[in-house]
Amino acid sequence: MIPATAAASAAEEKPTLRLAQDVDVAPAPAGAIAAAAAPAGGPLVSAEVVTSHLDELQRELDRMRQEIELLRRRDVALQFYMHRLDEELKLAARVQQDFLPKSMPKIGPLRFHTMFRPAAHVSGDLYDVMRLDESHVGFYMADAVGHGMPAALLTMFLKQALVTKVIDATGYRLLQPCVTMQKLNDALVAQNLSTATFATALYGNINYHTRKLTFARGGHPDPILLTRDGELKILEAEGALLGIFPDDVYQQTSVELEPGDRVFIYSDGVEIAFSDTDSPSPANWRALLHNRRDMPTAQMFAELRQILAGVDADGDRKKDDLTVIAIEVER
């Protein structure tokens, strides 16, 4: 039997294990360890067994430290690559912004207002407003199916593939919007992309002398006409998504605008952003416009941006790329 004083000494010298950056095991006599490990009244555990267990524990702690260091290195590498990706996306967003109009043309009685909000750094929406000749202004909007960089690359291609006029030895002639849409669809189909990549688009022009607006659309939301009398009308034209079938035919629609009329062209992200749920709500969007029919367009857009800021602040709400062009005929 072990004397009481020896047992007390062994208890005082019982090793203490501490898990930290470095693991220290307090040295103790083998006899004391064996005594502490022995059951009350039972046989002593040999010092070799205790030492073996401590060695195994030390190896396990070493493995844990190695795994922690590996995870730390992976975390540092991941943060580096995420930072680099974020910087590249910011650069891509600046490049995309360079392809947008720097300012809206003011030609005759026509005024253009725009609202553009990507869901992320880059947008699957793209638009343009350009003077075509001494009488016509063209307007264009495309919305690639999907989000992020793939959608942005597709809209950049569509922008470059847009053909609005034909120039030959005799001069030039403007293409009808329906023909422009056909050429745009055929250009996308001809790419024979490896994935099912589609887009919606709308192209039109307006003669600022006669105020005649003509457009064609492919899968894009129908424009909204808000008349000077406050009446809201939907301008319809048949046309399928771009990139599905070659030689698709696109219908075009014309309307003569009056002073005070406004036409709103927009991507479907608008119907999601101004919905009460995550589902599109064309009715909500139309009501927002109609309820602000007496406002100047600039004030109307300012209020819509305020509403949109509140929607974006709600992190639980689904976001989509959003673009609006308003064509206004001044009184």
C-alpha atoms as a PDB file:
ATOM      1  CA  MET A   1       0.000   0.000   0.000  1.00  0.00           C
ATOM      2  CA  ILE A   2       1.251   3.458  -0.827  1.00  0.00           C
ATOM      3  CA  PRO A   3       1.811   5.684   2.205  1.00  0.00           C
ATOM      4  CA  ALA A   4      -0.547   8.618   2.641  1.00  0.00           C
ATOM      5  CA  THR A   5       2.214  11.134   2.235  1.00  0.00           C
ATOM      6  CA  ALA A   6       3.278   9.471  -1.053  1.00  0.00           C
ATOM      7  CA  ALA A   7      -0.299   9.433  -2.337  1.00  0.00           C
ATOM      8  CA  ALA A   8      -0.700  13.125  -1.485  1.00  0.00           C
ATOM      9  CA  SER A   9       2.573  13.857  -3.208  1.00  0.00           C
ATOM     10  CA  ALA A  10       1.439  11.912  -6.258  1.00  0.00           C
ATOM     11  CA  ALA A  11      -1.833  13.793  -6.314  1.00  0.00           C
ATOM     12  CA  GLU A  12       0.017  17.114  -6.171  1.00  0.00           C
ATOM     13  CA  GLU A  13       2.316  15.993  -8.956  1.00  0.00           C
ATOM     14  CA  LYS A  14      -0.541  14.750 -11.215  1.00  0.00           C
ATOM     15  CA  PRO A  15       0.162  16.050 -14.752  1.00  0.00           C
ATOM     16  CA  THR A  16      -1.998  18.844 -16.114  1.00  0.00           C
ATOM     17  CA  LEU A  17      -2.864  19.023 -19.871  1.00  0.00           C
ATOM     18  CA  ARG A  18      -3.481  22.408 -21.478  1.00  0.00           C
ATOM     19  CA  LEU A  19      -4.627  22.883 -25.143  1.00  0.00           C
ATOM     20  CA  ALA A  20      -3.160  26.080 -26.503  1.00  0.00           C
ATOM     21  CA  GLN A  21      -0.833  27.230 -29.249  1.00  0.00           C
ATOM     22  CA  ASP A  22       1.840  25.008 -27.645  1.00  0.00           C
ATOM     23  CA  VAL A  23       0.881  22.052 -25.475  1.00  0.00           C
ATOM     24  CA  ASP A  24       2.922  21.631 -22.307  1.00  0.00           C
ATOM     25  CA  VAL A  25       2.839  18.477 -20.270  1.00  0.00           C
ATOM     26  CA  ALA A  26       4.119  18.995 -16.755  1.00  0.00           C
ATOM     27  CA  PRO A  27       6.778  16.404 -15.985  1.00  0.00           C
ATOM     28  CA  ALA A  28       6.060  14.017 -13.181  1.00  0.00           C
ATOM     29  CA  PRO A  29       7.697  10.918 -11.817  1.00  0.00           C
ATOM     30  CA  ALA A  30       6.537   7.743 -13.502  1.00  0.00           C
ATOM     31  CA  GLY A  31       5.608   6.246 -10.167  1.00  0.00           C
ATOM     32  CA  ALA A  32       3.365   9.154  -9.351  1.00  0.00           C
ATOM     33  CA  ILE A  33       1.662   8.944 -12.779  1.00  0.00           C
ATOM     34  CA  ALA A  34       1.129   5.234 -12.372  1.00  0.00           C
ATOM     35  CA  ALA A  35      -0.304   5.742  -8.915  1.00  0.00           C
ATOM     36  CA  ALA A  36      -2.670   8.474 -10.097  1.00  0.00           C
ATOM     37  CA  ALA A  37      -3.852   6.325 -12.997  1.00  0.00           C
ATOM     38  CA  ALA A  38      -4.499   3.261 -10.815  1.00  0.00           C
ATOM     39  CA  PRO A  39      -8.077   2.570  -9.673  1.00  0.00           C
ATOM     40  CA  ALA A  40      -8.621   2.819  -5.947  1.00  0.00           C
ATOM     41  CA  GLY A  41      -7.465  -0.427  -4.416  1.00  0.00           C
ATOM     42  CA  GLY A  42      -6.519  -1.804  -7.863  1.00  0.00           C
ATOM     43  CA  PRO A  43      -3.192  -2.701  -9.421  1.00  0.00           C
ATOM     44  CA  LEU A  44      -0.771   0.001 -10.523  1.00  0.00           C
ATOM     45  CA  VAL A  45      -0.645   0.984 -14.217  1.00  0.00           C
ATOM     46  CA  SER A  46       2.836   0.647 -15.539  1.00  0.00           C
ATOM     47  CA  ALA A  47       4.825   3.760 -16.387  1.00  0.00           C
ATOM     48  CA  GLU A  48       5.326   2.422 -19.926  1.00  0.00           C
ATOM     49  CA  VAL A  49       1.558   2.348 -20.552  1.00  0.00           C
ATOM     50  CA  VAL A  50       1.096   5.884 -19.256  1.00  0.00           C
ATOM     51  CA  THR A  51       4.012   7.144 -21.331  1.00  0.00           C
ATOM     52  CA  SER A  52       2.560   5.445 -24.418  1.00  0.00           C
ATOM     53  CA  HIS A  53      -0.810   7.123 -23.848  1.00  0.00           C
ATOM     54  CA  LEU A  54       0.845  10.502 -23.385  1.00  0.00           C
ATOM     55  CA  ASP A  55       2.848  10.042 -26.576  1.00  0.00           C
ATOM     56  CA  GLU A  56      -0.314   9.164 -28.486  1.00  0.00           C
ATOM     57  CA  LEU A  57      -2.043  12.231 -27.097  1.00  0.00           C
ATOM     58  CA  GLN A  58       0.899  14.398 -28.066  1.00  0.00           C
ATOM     59  CA  ARG A  59       0.817  13.025 -31.632  1.00  0.00           C
ATOM     60  CA  GLU A  60      -2.912  13.760 -31.842  1.00  0.00           C
ATOM     61  CA  LEU A  61      -2.332  17.315 -30.665  1.00  0.00           C
ATOM     62  CA  ASP A  62       0.416  17.734 -33.232  1.00  0.00           C
ATOM     63  CA  ARG A  63      -1.956  16.552 -35.965  1.00  0.00           C
ATOM     64  CA  MET A  64      -4.585  19.041 -34.767  1.00  0.00           C
ATOM     65  CA  ARG A  65      -2.069  21.882 -34.869  1.00  0.00           C
ATOM     66  CA  GLN A  66      -1.099  20.903 -38.411  1.00  0.00           C
ATOM     67  CA  GLU A  67      -4.750  20.855 -39.513  1.00  0.00           C
ATOM     68  CA  ILE A  68      -5.379  24.241 -37.914  1.00  0.00           C
ATOM     69  CA  GLU A  69      -2.356  25.700 -39.693  1.00  0.00           C
ATOM     70  CA  LEU A  70      -3.537  24.208 -42.993  1.00  0.00           C
ATOM     71  CA  LEU A  71      -6.990  25.744 -42.517  1.00  0.00           C
ATOM     72  CA  ARG A  72      -5.401  29.079 -41.669  1.00  0.00           C
ATOM     73  CA  ARG A  73      -3.369  29.024 -44.872  1.00  0.00           C
ATOM     74  CA  ARG A  74      -6.426  28.076 -46.900  1.00  0.00           C
ATOM     75  CA  ASP A  75      -8.343  30.948 -45.329  1.00  0.00           C
ATOM     76  CA  VAL A  76      -5.595  33.419 -46.239  1.00  0.00           C
ATOM     77  CA  ALA A  77      -5.484  32.090 -49.805  1.00  0.00           C
ATOM     78  CA  LEU A  78      -9.280  32.242 -50.109  1.00  0.00           C
ATOM     79  CA  GLN A  79      -9.352  35.829 -48.870  1.00  0.00           C
ATOM     80  CA  PHE A  80      -6.679  36.735 -51.418  1.00  0.00           C
ATOM     81  CA  TYR A  81      -8.538  35.183 -54.335  1.00  0.00           C
ATOM     82  CA  MET A  82     -11.880  36.655 -53.216  1.00  0.00           C
ATOM     83  CA  HIS A  83     -10.293  40.100 -53.021  1.00  0.00           C
ATOM     84  CA  ARG A  84      -8.780  39.700 -56.474  1.00  0.00           C
ATOM     85  CA  LEU A  85     -12.091  38.492 -57.911  1.00  0.00           C
ATOM     86  CA  ASP A  86     -13.879  41.466 -56.348  1.00  0.00           C
ATOM     87  CA  GLU A  87     -11.359  43.870 -57.889  1.00  0.00           C
ATOM     88  CA  GLU A  88     -11.742  42.231 -61.309  1.00  0.00           C
ATOM     89  CA  LEU A  89     -15.526  42.478 -61.107  1.00  0.00           C
ATOM     90  CA  LYS A  90     -15.273  46.151 -60.169  1.00  0.00           C
ATOM     91  CA  LEU A  91     -13.040  46.704 -63.192  1.00  0.00           C
ATOM     92  CA  ALA A  92     -15.534  44.826 -65.389  1.00  0.00           C
ATOM     93  CA  ALA A  93     -18.319  47.053 -64.038  1.00  0.00           C
ATOM     94  CA  ARG A  94     -16.355  50.175 -65.002  1.00  0.00           C
ATOM     95  CA  VAL A  95     -15.790  48.772 -68.492  1.00  0.00           C
ATOM     96  CA  GLN A  96     -19.503  48.040 -68.818  1.00  0.00           C
ATOM     97  CA  GLN A  97     -20.331  51.558 -67.676  1.00  0.00           C
ATOM     98  CA  ASP A  98     -18.123  52.873 -70.486  1.00  0.00           C
ATOM     99  CA  PHE A  99     -20.447  51.203 -72.986  1.00  0.00           C
ATOM    100  CA  LEU A 100     -23.458  53.048 -71.598  1.00  0.00           C
ATOM    101  CA  PRO A 101     -24.371  56.511 -72.883  1.00  0.00           C
ATOM    102  CA  LYS A 102     -22.399  59.234 -71.138  1.00  0.00           C
ATOM    103  CA  SER A 103     -25.306  61.655 -71.517  1.00  0.00           C
ATOM    104  CA  MET A 104     -28.777  61.604 -72.988  1.00  0.00           C
ATOM    105  CA  PRO A 105     -29.346  63.459 -76.247  1.00  0.00           C
ATOM    106  CA  LYS A 106     -31.703  66.439 -76.279  1.00  0.00           C
ATOM    107  CA  ILE A 107     -33.056  66.688 -79.786  1.00  0.00           C
ATOM    108  CA  GLY A 108     -35.960  68.936 -80.662  1.00  0.00           C
ATOM    109  CA  PRO A 109     -38.807  68.275 -78.210  1.00  0.00           C
ATOM    110  CA  LEU A 110     -37.428  64.883 -77.119  1.00  0.00           C
ATOM    111  CA  ARG A 111     -35.967  64.320 -73.677  1.00  0.00           C
ATOM    112  CA  PHE A 112     -34.578  61.025 -72.355  1.00  0.00           C
ATOM    113  CA  HIS A 113     -34.347  59.902 -68.726  1.00  0.00           C
ATOM    114  CA  THR A 114     -32.720  56.681 -67.539  1.00  0.00           C
ATOM    115  CA  MET A 115     -32.468  54.540 -64.409  1.00  0.00           C
ATOM    116  CA  PHE A 116     -29.896  51.730 -64.306  1.00  0.00           C
ATOM    117  CA  ARG A 117     -29.285  49.459 -61.291  1.00  0.00           C
ATOM    118  CA  PRO A 118     -27.232  46.228 -61.610  1.00  0.00           C
ATOM    119  CA  ALA A 119     -28.041  43.460 -59.150  1.00  0.00           C
ATOM    120  CA  ALA A 120     -24.290  42.947 -58.611  1.00  0.00           C
ATOM    121  CA  HIS A 121     -21.078  44.503 -59.915  1.00  0.00           C
ATOM    122  CA  VAL A 122     -21.963  43.835 -63.549  1.00  0.00           C
ATOM    123  CA  SER A 123     -25.386  43.761 -65.144  1.00  0.00           C
ATOM    124  CA  GLY A 124     -27.201  41.490 -67.540  1.00  0.00           C
ATOM    125  CA  ASP A 125     -29.025  44.615 -68.764  1.00  0.00           C
ATOM    126  CA  LEU A 126     -27.628  47.022 -71.329  1.00  0.00           C
ATOM    127  CA  TYR A 127     -29.178  50.024 -73.059  1.00  0.00           C
ATOM    128  CA  ASP A 128     -28.302  52.748 -75.521  1.00  0.00           C
ATOM    129  CA  VAL A 129     -29.802  55.918 -76.960  1.00  0.00           C
ATOM    130  CA  MET A 130     -28.159  57.178 -80.147  1.00  0.00           C
ATOM    131  CA  ARG A 131     -28.785  59.704 -82.862  1.00  0.00           C
ATOM    132  CA  LEU A 132     -29.258  57.865 -86.169  1.00  0.00           C
ATOM    133  CA  ASP A 133     -29.475  60.770 -88.607  1.00  0.00           C
ATOM    134  CA  GLU A 134     -30.788  64.312 -88.851  1.00  0.00           C
ATOM    135  CA  SER A 135     -34.347  63.152 -88.117  1.00  0.00           C
ATOM    136  CA  HIS A 136     -34.219  59.972 -86.038  1.00  0.00           C
ATOM    137  CA  VAL A 137     -33.071  58.895 -82.608  1.00  0.00           C
ATOM    138  CA  GLY A 138     -32.662  55.188 -81.859  1.00  0.00           C
ATOM    139  CA  PHE A 139     -33.173  53.474 -78.501  1.00  0.00           C
ATOM    140  CA  TYR A 140     -32.221  49.975 -77.501  1.00  0.00           C
ATOM    141  CA  MET A 141     -32.395  47.705 -74.455  1.00  0.00           C
ATOM    142  CA  ALA A 142     -31.286  44.101 -73.939  1.00  0.00           C
ATOM    143  CA  ASP A 143     -31.677  41.781 -70.967  1.00  0.00           C
ATOM    144  CA  ALA A 144     -29.721  38.515 -70.935  1.00  0.00           C
ATOM    145  CA  VAL A 145     -31.263  35.563 -69.147  1.00  0.00           C
ATOM    146  CA  GLY A 146     -29.316  35.126 -65.912  1.00  0.00           C
ATOM    147  CA  HIS A 147     -27.040  37.395 -63.897  1.00  0.00           C
ATOM    148  CA  GLY A 148     -23.429  38.310 -63.394  1.00  0.00           C
ATOM    149  CA  MET A 149     -20.535  38.026 -65.789  1.00  0.00           C
ATOM    150  CA  PRO A 150     -22.022  35.511 -68.286  1.00  0.00           C
ATOM    151  CA  ALA A 151     -25.105  37.699 -68.761  1.00  0.00           C
ATOM    152  CA  ALA A 152     -22.973  40.837 -69.027  1.00  0.00           C
ATOM    153  CA  LEU A 153     -20.778  39.272 -71.731  1.00  0.00           C
ATOM    154  CA  LEU A 154     -23.861  38.292 -73.710  1.00  0.00           C
ATOM    155  CA  THR A 155     -25.319  41.806 -73.605  1.00  0.00           C
ATOM    156  CA  MET A 156     -21.968  43.220 -74.758  1.00  0.00           C
ATOM    157  CA  PHE A 157     -22.107  40.902 -77.756  1.00  0.00           C
ATOM    158  CA  LEU A 158     -25.675  41.963 -78.534  1.00  0.00           C
ATOM    159  CA  LYS A 159     -24.660  45.607 -78.376  1.00  0.00           C
ATOM    160  CA  GLN A 160     -21.946  45.066 -80.974  1.00  0.00           C
ATOM    161  CA  ALA A 161     -24.270  42.935 -83.136  1.00  0.00           C
ATOM    162  CA  LEU A 162     -26.967  45.637 -83.304  1.00  0.00           C
ATOM    163  CA  VAL A 163     -27.365  46.861 -86.906  1.00  0.00           C
ATOM    164  CA  THR A 164     -29.478  49.993 -87.346  1.00  0.00           C
ATOM    165  CA  LYS A 165     -28.608  51.139 -90.871  1.00  0.00           C
ATOM    166  CA  VAL A 166     -27.165  49.947 -94.157  1.00  0.00           C
ATOM    167  CA  ILE A 167     -24.518  52.026 -95.927  1.00  0.00           C
ATOM    168  CA  ASP A 168     -23.668  51.527 -99.603  1.00  0.00           C
ATOM    169  CA  ALA A 169     -22.431  53.503-102.595  1.00  0.00           C
ATOM    170  CA  THR A 170     -25.695  55.404-102.872  1.00  0.00           C
ATOM    171  CA  GLY A 171     -25.728  56.495 -99.242  1.00  0.00           C
ATOM    172  CA  TYR A 172     -27.458  54.961 -96.252  1.00  0.00           C
ATOM    173  CA  ARG A 173     -30.885  53.826 -95.217  1.00  0.00           C
ATOM    174  CA  LEU A 174     -32.250  53.138 -91.767  1.00  0.00           C
ATOM    175  CA  LEU A 175     -33.424  49.617 -91.112  1.00  0.00           C
ATOM    176  CA  GLN A 176     -36.914  49.043 -89.856  1.00  0.00           C
ATOM    177  CA  PRO A 177     -36.867  47.976 -86.187  1.00  0.00           C
ATOM    178  CA  CYS A 178     -38.333  44.584 -87.096  1.00  0.00           C
ATOM    179  CA  VAL A 179     -35.421  43.956 -89.486  1.00  0.00           C
ATOM    180  CA  THR A 180     -32.893  45.054 -86.860  1.00  0.00           C
ATOM    181  CA  MET A 181     -34.407  42.566 -84.420  1.00  0.00           C
ATOM    182  CA  GLN A 182     -34.274  39.771 -86.992  1.00  0.00           C
ATOM    183  CA  LYS A 183     -30.588  40.441 -87.639  1.00  0.00           C
ATOM    184  CA  LEU A 184     -29.889  40.559 -83.907  1.00  0.00           C
ATOM    185  CA  ASN A 185     -31.610  37.221 -83.341  1.00  0.00           C
ATOM    186  CA  ASP A 186     -29.814  35.581 -86.259  1.00  0.00           C
ATOM    187  CA  ALA A 187     -26.458  36.884 -85.015  1.00  0.00           C
ATOM    188  CA  LEU A 188     -27.049  35.287 -81.614  1.00  0.00           C
ATOM    189  CA  VAL A 189     -28.284  31.988 -83.062  1.00  0.00           C
ATOM    190  CA  ALA A 190     -25.274  31.853 -85.409  1.00  0.00           C
ATOM    191  CA  GLN A 191     -22.909  31.847 -82.424  1.00  0.00           C
ATOM    192  CA  ASN A 192     -24.094  28.317 -81.605  1.00  0.00           C
ATOM    193  CA  LEU A 193     -23.261  28.823 -77.958  1.00  0.00           C
ATOM    194  CA  SER A 194     -22.492  25.720 -75.894  1.00  0.00           C
ATOM    195  CA  THR A 195     -25.099  26.576 -73.271  1.00  0.00           C
ATOM    196  CA  ALA A 196     -28.742  27.553 -73.689  1.00  0.00           C
ATOM    197  CA  THR A 197     -28.245  31.309 -73.714  1.00  0.00           C
ATOM    198  CA  PHE A 198     -31.174  33.578 -74.471  1.00  0.00           C
ATOM    199  CA  ALA A 199     -31.973  37.256 -74.175  1.00  0.00           C
ATOM    200  CA  THR A 200     -34.819  39.693 -74.520  1.00  0.00           C
ATOM    201  CA  ALA A 201     -34.377  42.939 -76.408  1.00  0.00           C
ATOM    202  CA  LEU A 202     -36.232  45.946 -77.719  1.00  0.00           C
ATOM    203  CA  TYR A 203     -35.151  48.331 -80.445  1.00  0.00           C
ATOM    204  CA  GLY A 204     -36.932  51.325 -81.897  1.00  0.00           C
ATOM    205  CA  ASN A 205     -36.528  54.789 -83.304  1.00  0.00           C
ATOM    206  CA  ILE A 206     -38.434  58.035 -83.183  1.00  0.00           C
ATOM    207  CA  ASN A 207     -38.665  60.785 -85.779  1.00  0.00           C
ATOM    208  CA  TYR A 208     -38.392  63.950 -83.747  1.00  0.00           C
ATOM    209  CA  HIS A 209     -39.995  66.031 -86.495  1.00  0.00           C
ATOM    210  CA  THR A 210     -43.158  63.957 -86.768  1.00  0.00           C
ATOM    211  CA  ARG A 211     -42.933  62.400 -83.254  1.00  0.00           C
ATOM    212  CA  LYS A 212     -43.607  58.981 -84.762  1.00  0.00           C
ATOM    213  CA  LEU A 213     -42.198  56.194 -82.612  1.00  0.00           C
ATOM    214  CA  THR A 214     -41.674  52.701 -84.090  1.00  0.00           C
ATOM    215  CA  PHE A 215     -40.328  49.692 -82.211  1.00  0.00           C
ATOM    216  CA  ALA A 216     -39.984  45.898 -82.270  1.00  0.00           C
ATOM    217  CA  ARG A 217     -39.353  43.598 -79.347  1.00  0.00           C
ATOM    218  CA  GLY A 218     -38.210  40.044 -78.699  1.00  0.00           C
ATOM    219  CA  GLY A 219     -39.503  38.626 -75.426  1.00  0.00           C
ATOM    220  CA  HIS A 220     -39.060  42.013 -73.757  1.00  0.00           C
ATOM    221  CA  PRO A 221     -41.776  43.665 -71.624  1.00  0.00           C
ATOM    222  CA  ASP A 222     -44.195  45.816 -73.605  1.00  0.00           C
ATOM    223  CA  PRO A 223     -43.480  49.555 -73.347  1.00  0.00           C
ATOM    224  CA  ILE A 224     -45.900  51.742 -71.432  1.00  0.00           C
ATOM    225  CA  LEU A 225     -47.339  54.965 -72.860  1.00  0.00           C
ATOM    226  CA  LEU A 226     -48.383  57.548 -70.287  1.00  0.00           C
ATOM    227  CA  THR A 227     -50.324  60.150 -72.217  1.00  0.00           C
ATOM    228  CA  ARG A 228     -50.455  63.855 -71.443  1.00  0.00           C
ATOM    229  CA  ASP A 229     -54.017  63.289 -70.187  1.00  0.00           C
ATOM    230  CA  GLY A 230     -52.772  60.742 -67.636  1.00  0.00           C
ATOM    231  CA  GLU A 231     -54.038  57.665 -69.465  1.00  0.00           C
ATOM    232  CA  LEU A 232     -51.819  54.579 -69.283  1.00  0.00           C
ATOM    233  CA  LYS A 233     -51.607  52.390 -72.400  1.00  0.00           C
ATOM    234  CA  ILE A 234     -49.635  49.229 -73.160  1.00  0.00           C
ATOM    235  CA  LEU A 235     -47.849  49.261 -76.535  1.00  0.00           C
ATOM    236  CA  GLU A 236     -47.780  45.716 -77.876  1.00  0.00           C
ATOM    237  CA  ALA A 237     -45.672  44.030 -80.555  1.00  0.00           C
ATOM    238  CA  GLU A 238     -45.225  40.278 -80.999  1.00  0.00           C
ATOM    239  CA  GLY A 239     -41.736  38.785 -80.874  1.00  0.00           C
ATOM    240  CA  ALA A 240     -40.032  35.726 -79.335  1.00  0.00           C
ATOM    241  CA  LEU A 241     -36.889  35.509 -77.213  1.00  0.00           C
ATOM    242  CA  LEU A 242     -33.601  36.033 -79.009  1.00  0.00           C
ATOM    243  CA  GLY A 243     -31.298  33.095 -79.601  1.00  0.00           C
ATOM    244  CA  ILE A 244     -33.790  30.242 -79.937  1.00  0.00           C
ATOM    245  CA  PHE A 245     -34.801  29.887 -83.580  1.00  0.00           C
ATOM    246  CA  PRO A 246     -33.180  31.339 -86.709  1.00  0.00           C
ATOM    247  CA  ASP A 247     -35.225  33.433 -89.135  1.00  0.00           C
ATOM    248  CA  ASP A 248     -37.759  34.405 -86.496  1.00  0.00           C
ATOM    249  CA  VAL A 249     -40.125  37.196 -87.572  1.00  0.00           C
ATOM    250  CA  TYR A 250     -40.650  40.223 -85.330  1.00  0.00           C
ATOM    251  CA  GLN A 251     -43.665  42.463 -85.475  1.00  0.00           C
ATOM    252  CA  GLN A 252     -43.245  46.208 -85.172  1.00  0.00           C
ATOM    253  CA  THR A 253     -45.621  48.823 -83.801  1.00  0.00           C
ATOM    254  CA  SER A 254     -45.835  52.560 -84.464  1.00  0.00           C
ATOM    255  CA  VAL A 255     -47.480  55.335 -82.491  1.00  0.00           C
ATOM    256  CA  GLU A 256     -47.535  59.097 -82.975  1.00  0.00           C
ATOM    257  CA  LEU A 257     -46.755  60.873 -79.746  1.00  0.00           C
ATOM    258  CA  GLU A 258     -48.265  64.133 -78.621  1.00  0.00           C
ATOM    259  CA  PRO A 259     -46.559  66.880 -76.604  1.00  0.00           C
ATOM    260  CA  GLY A 260     -46.646  65.807 -72.964  1.00  0.00           C
ATOM    261  CA  ASP A 261     -46.659  62.056 -73.763  1.00  0.00           C
ATOM    262  CA  ARG A 262     -44.095  59.774 -72.148  1.00  0.00           C
ATOM    263  CA  VAL A 263     -43.027  56.245 -73.145  1.00  0.00           C
ATOM    264  CA  PHE A 264     -41.371  53.939 -70.595  1.00  0.00           C
ATOM    265  CA  ILE A 265     -39.126  51.098 -71.781  1.00  0.00           C
ATOM    266  CA  TYR A 266     -37.876  48.782 -69.060  1.00  0.00           C
ATOM    267  CA  SER A 267     -36.425  45.379 -68.215  1.00  0.00           C
ATOM    268  CA  ASP A 268     -38.396  42.813 -66.218  1.00  0.00           C
ATOM    269  CA  GLY A 269     -36.283  43.504 -63.114  1.00  0.00           C
ATOM    270  CA  VAL A 270     -38.510  46.547 -62.590  1.00  0.00           C
ATOM    271  CA  GLU A 271     -41.551  44.331 -62.093  1.00  0.00           C
ATOM    272  CA  ILE A 272     -39.651  42.381 -59.417  1.00  0.00           C
ATOM    273  CA  ALA A 273     -38.108  45.383 -57.659  1.00  0.00           C
ATOM    274  CA  PHE A 274     -41.422  47.206 -57.215  1.00  0.00           C
ATOM    275  CA  SER A 275     -43.385  44.100 -56.289  1.00  0.00           C
ATOM    276  CA  ASP A 276     -44.611  43.355 -52.776  1.00  0.00           C
ATOM    277  CA  THR A 277     -43.136  39.846 -53.074  1.00  0.00           C
ATOM    278  CA  ASP A 278     -40.252  38.142 -54.874  1.00  0.00           C
ATOM    279  CA  SER A 279     -42.506  37.527 -57.886  1.00  0.00           C
ATOM    280  CA  PRO A 280     -42.909  40.033 -60.741  1.00  0.00           C
ATOM    281  CA  SER A 281     -45.894  42.356 -60.449  1.00  0.00           C
ATOM    282  CA  PRO A 282     -46.641  44.310 -63.639  1.00  0.00           C
ATOM    283  CA  ALA A 283     -49.717  45.780 -61.942  1.00  0.00           C
ATOM    284  CA  ASN A 284     -47.660  47.340 -59.125  1.00  0.00           C
ATOM    285  CA  TRP A 285     -45.208  48.881 -61.578  1.00  0.00           C
ATOM    286  CA  ARG A 286     -47.963  50.355 -63.723  1.00  0.00           C
ATOM    287  CA  ALA A 287     -49.721  51.714 -60.654  1.00  0.00           C
ATOM    288  CA  LEU A 288     -46.521  53.441 -59.509  1.00  0.00           C
ATOM    289  CA  LEU A 289     -46.276  55.221 -62.846  1.00  0.00           C
ATOM    290  CA  HIS A 290     -49.938  56.084 -63.064  1.00  0.00           C
ATOM    291  CA  ASN A 291     -50.048  57.458 -59.517  1.00  0.00           C
ATOM    292  CA  ARG A 292     -47.202  59.837 -60.453  1.00  0.00           C
ATOM    293  CA  ARG A 293     -48.642  60.914 -63.790  1.00  0.00           C
ATOM    294  CA  ASP A 294     -48.767  64.571 -62.751  1.00  0.00           C
ATOM    295  CA  MET A 295     -45.088  64.661 -61.729  1.00  0.00           C
ATOM    296  CA  PRO A 296     -42.251  65.848 -63.966  1.00  0.00           C
ATOM    297  CA  THR A 297     -40.261  62.840 -65.159  1.00  0.00           C
ATOM    298  CA  ALA A 298     -37.154  63.827 -63.188  1.00  0.00           C
ATOM    299  CA  GLN A 299     -39.159  63.994 -59.947  1.00  0.00           C
ATOM    300  CA  MET A 300     -40.887  60.717 -60.769  1.00  0.00           C
ATOM    301  CA  PHE A 301     -37.532  58.973 -61.214  1.00  0.00           C
ATOM    302  CA  ALA A 302     -36.206  60.526 -58.000  1.00  0.00           C
ATOM    303  CA  GLU A 303     -39.111  59.021 -56.038  1.00  0.00           C
ATOM    304  CA  LEU A 304     -38.697  55.656 -57.739  1.00  0.00           C
ATOM    305  CA  ARG A 305     -35.025  55.655 -56.748  1.00  0.00           C
ATOM    306  CA  GLN A 306     -35.994  56.326 -53.131  1.00  0.00           C
ATOM    307  CA  ILE A 307     -38.398  53.382 -53.181  1.00  0.00           C
ATOM    308  CA  LEU A 308     -35.715  51.260 -54.784  1.00  0.00           C
ATOM    309  CA  ALA A 309     -33.209  52.218 -52.072  1.00  0.00           C
ATOM    310  CA  GLY A 310     -35.608  50.882 -49.460  1.00  0.00           C
ATOM    311  CA  VAL A 311     -36.088  47.668 -51.420  1.00  0.00           C
ATOM    312  CA  ASP A 312     -32.326  47.188 -51.759  1.00  0.00           C
ATOM    313  CA  ALA A 313     -31.887  47.729 -48.010  1.00  0.00           C
ATOM    314  CA  ASP A 314     -34.063  44.673 -47.394  1.00  0.00           C
ATOM    315  CA  GLY A 315     -31.465  41.933 -47.649  1.00  0.00           C
ATOM    316  CA  ASP A 316     -34.129  39.216 -47.804  1.00  0.00           C
ATOM    317  CA  ARG A 317     -35.638  40.544 -51.025  1.00  0.00           C
ATOM    318  CA  LYS A 318     -34.615  39.052 -54.356  1.00  0.00           C
ATOM    319  CA  LYS A 319     -32.707  41.439 -56.600  1.00  0.00           C
ATOM    320  CA  ASP A 320     -32.557  41.573 -60.366  1.00  0.00           C
ATOM    321  CA  ASP A 321     -30.871  43.882 -62.854  1.00  0.00           C
ATOM    322  CA  LEU A 322     -33.074  46.889 -63.496  1.00  0.00           C
ATOM    323  CA  THR A 323     -33.160  49.411 -66.342  1.00  0.00           C
ATOM    324  CA  VAL A 324     -35.696  52.054 -67.355  1.00  0.00           C
ATOM    325  CA  ILE A 325     -35.659  54.515 -70.275  1.00  0.00           C
ATOM    326  CA  ALA A 326     -38.274  57.274 -70.390  1.00  0.00           C
ATOM    327  CA  ILE A 327     -38.839  59.087 -73.682  1.00  0.00           C
ATOM    328  CA  GLU A 328     -40.608  62.376 -73.090  1.00  0.00           C
ATOM    329  CA  VAL A 329     -42.074  64.783 -75.637  1.00  0.00           C
ATOM    330  CA  GLU A 330     -41.986  68.225 -74.116  1.00  0.00           C
ATOM    331  CA  ARG A 331     -45.093  70.371 -74.365  1.00  0.00           C
END
